Amino acid sequence: MSLQQQKTLFDIYGEQGLPVELITLNVLRTIIATFGILFNTSLVFVTAKSK
């Protein structure tokens, strides 16, 4: 894909804004990723503490 064919989100959705579904999906993905990172960090902490 050339640089001329790439469109930004503003080019696609314009003044109407992003769809609520897209925003909701990205918020859920962020929450799930945050919980995953925190869970992984807690497992590392418990493992390091037990040694």
C-alpha atoms as a PDB file:
ATOM      1  CA  MET A   1       0.000   0.000   0.000  1.00  0.00           C
ATOM      2  CA  SER A   2       1.483   3.307  -1.026  1.00  0.00           C
ATOM      3  CA  LEU A   3       1.504   6.385   1.148  1.00  0.00           C
ATOM      4  CA  GLN A   4      -1.145   8.020  -1.035  1.00  0.00           C
ATOM      5  CA  GLN A   5      -3.643   5.199  -0.364  1.00  0.00           C
ATOM      6  CA  GLN A   6      -3.260   5.226   3.423  1.00  0.00           C
ATOM      7  CA  LYS A   7      -6.108   6.963   5.196  1.00  0.00           C
ATOM      8  CA  THR A   8      -6.242   8.215   8.750  1.00  0.00           C
ATOM      9  CA  LEU A   9      -9.232   7.615  11.013  1.00  0.00           C
ATOM     10  CA  PHE A  10     -10.240  11.232  10.436  1.00  0.00           C
ATOM     11  CA  ASP A  11     -10.185  10.652   6.657  1.00  0.00           C
ATOM     12  CA  ILE A  12     -12.453   7.621   7.076  1.00  0.00           C
ATOM     13  CA  TYR A  13     -14.937   8.895   9.673  1.00  0.00           C
ATOM     14  CA  GLY A  14     -14.619  12.660   9.222  1.00  0.00           C
ATOM     15  CA  GLU A  15     -16.687  14.944  11.401  1.00  0.00           C
ATOM     16  CA  GLN A  16     -19.105  12.195  12.507  1.00  0.00           C
ATOM     17  CA  GLY A  17     -16.502  10.717  14.841  1.00  0.00           C
ATOM     18  CA  LEU A  18     -15.571   7.158  15.660  1.00  0.00           C
ATOM     19  CA  PRO A  19     -18.304   4.541  16.055  1.00  0.00           C
ATOM     20  CA  VAL A  20     -19.162   3.630  19.647  1.00  0.00           C
ATOM     21  CA  GLU A  21     -18.435  -0.043  18.888  1.00  0.00           C
ATOM     22  CA  LEU A  22     -14.858   0.751  17.908  1.00  0.00           C
ATOM     23  CA  ILE A  23     -14.262   2.797  21.045  1.00  0.00           C
ATOM     24  CA  THR A  24     -15.846   0.118  23.264  1.00  0.00           C
ATOM     25  CA  LEU A  25     -13.763  -2.630  21.670  1.00  0.00           C
ATOM     26  CA  ASN A  26     -10.530  -0.730  22.221  1.00  0.00           C
ATOM     27  CA  VAL A  27     -11.427   0.109  25.832  1.00  0.00           C
ATOM     28  CA  LEU A  28     -12.148  -3.573  26.541  1.00  0.00           C
ATOM     29  CA  ARG A  29      -8.869  -4.604  24.924  1.00  0.00           C
ATOM     30  CA  THR A  30      -7.005  -2.057  27.042  1.00  0.00           C
ATOM     31  CA  ILE A  31      -8.662  -3.304  30.246  1.00  0.00           C
ATOM     32  CA  ILE A  32      -7.922  -6.957  29.421  1.00  0.00           C
ATOM     33  CA  ALA A  33      -4.297  -6.139  28.566  1.00  0.00           C
ATOM     34  CA  THR A  34      -3.887  -4.172  31.803  1.00  0.00           C
ATOM     35  CA  PHE A  35      -5.236  -7.058  33.886  1.00  0.00           C
ATOM     36  CA  GLY A  36      -2.902  -9.430  32.037  1.00  0.00           C
ATOM     37  CA  ILE A  37       0.118  -7.251  32.754  1.00  0.00           C
ATOM     38  CA  LEU A  38      -0.826  -6.858  36.424  1.00  0.00           C
ATOM     39  CA  PHE A  39      -1.439 -10.607  36.804  1.00  0.00           C
ATOM     40  CA  ASN A  40       1.900 -11.401  35.189  1.00  0.00           C
ATOM     41  CA  THR A  41       3.642  -8.885  37.445  1.00  0.00           C
ATOM     42  CA  SER A  42       2.049 -10.408  40.537  1.00  0.00           C
ATOM     43  CA  LEU A  43       3.135 -13.902  39.473  1.00  0.00           C
ATOM     44  CA  VAL A  44       6.712 -12.694  39.003  1.00  0.00           C
ATOM     45  CA  PHE A  45       6.627 -10.994  42.413  1.00  0.00           C
ATOM     46  CA  VAL A  46       5.287 -14.102  44.186  1.00  0.00           C
ATOM     47  CA  THR A  47       7.803 -16.340  42.414  1.00  0.00           C
ATOM     48  CA  ALA A  48      10.716 -14.055  43.297  1.00  0.00           C
ATOM     49  CA  LYS A  49       9.493 -13.713  46.887  1.00  0.00           C
ATOM     50  CA  SER A  50       9.201 -17.487  47.396  1.00  0.00           C
ATOM     51  CA  LYS A  51      12.803 -18.170  46.338  1.00  0.00           C
END
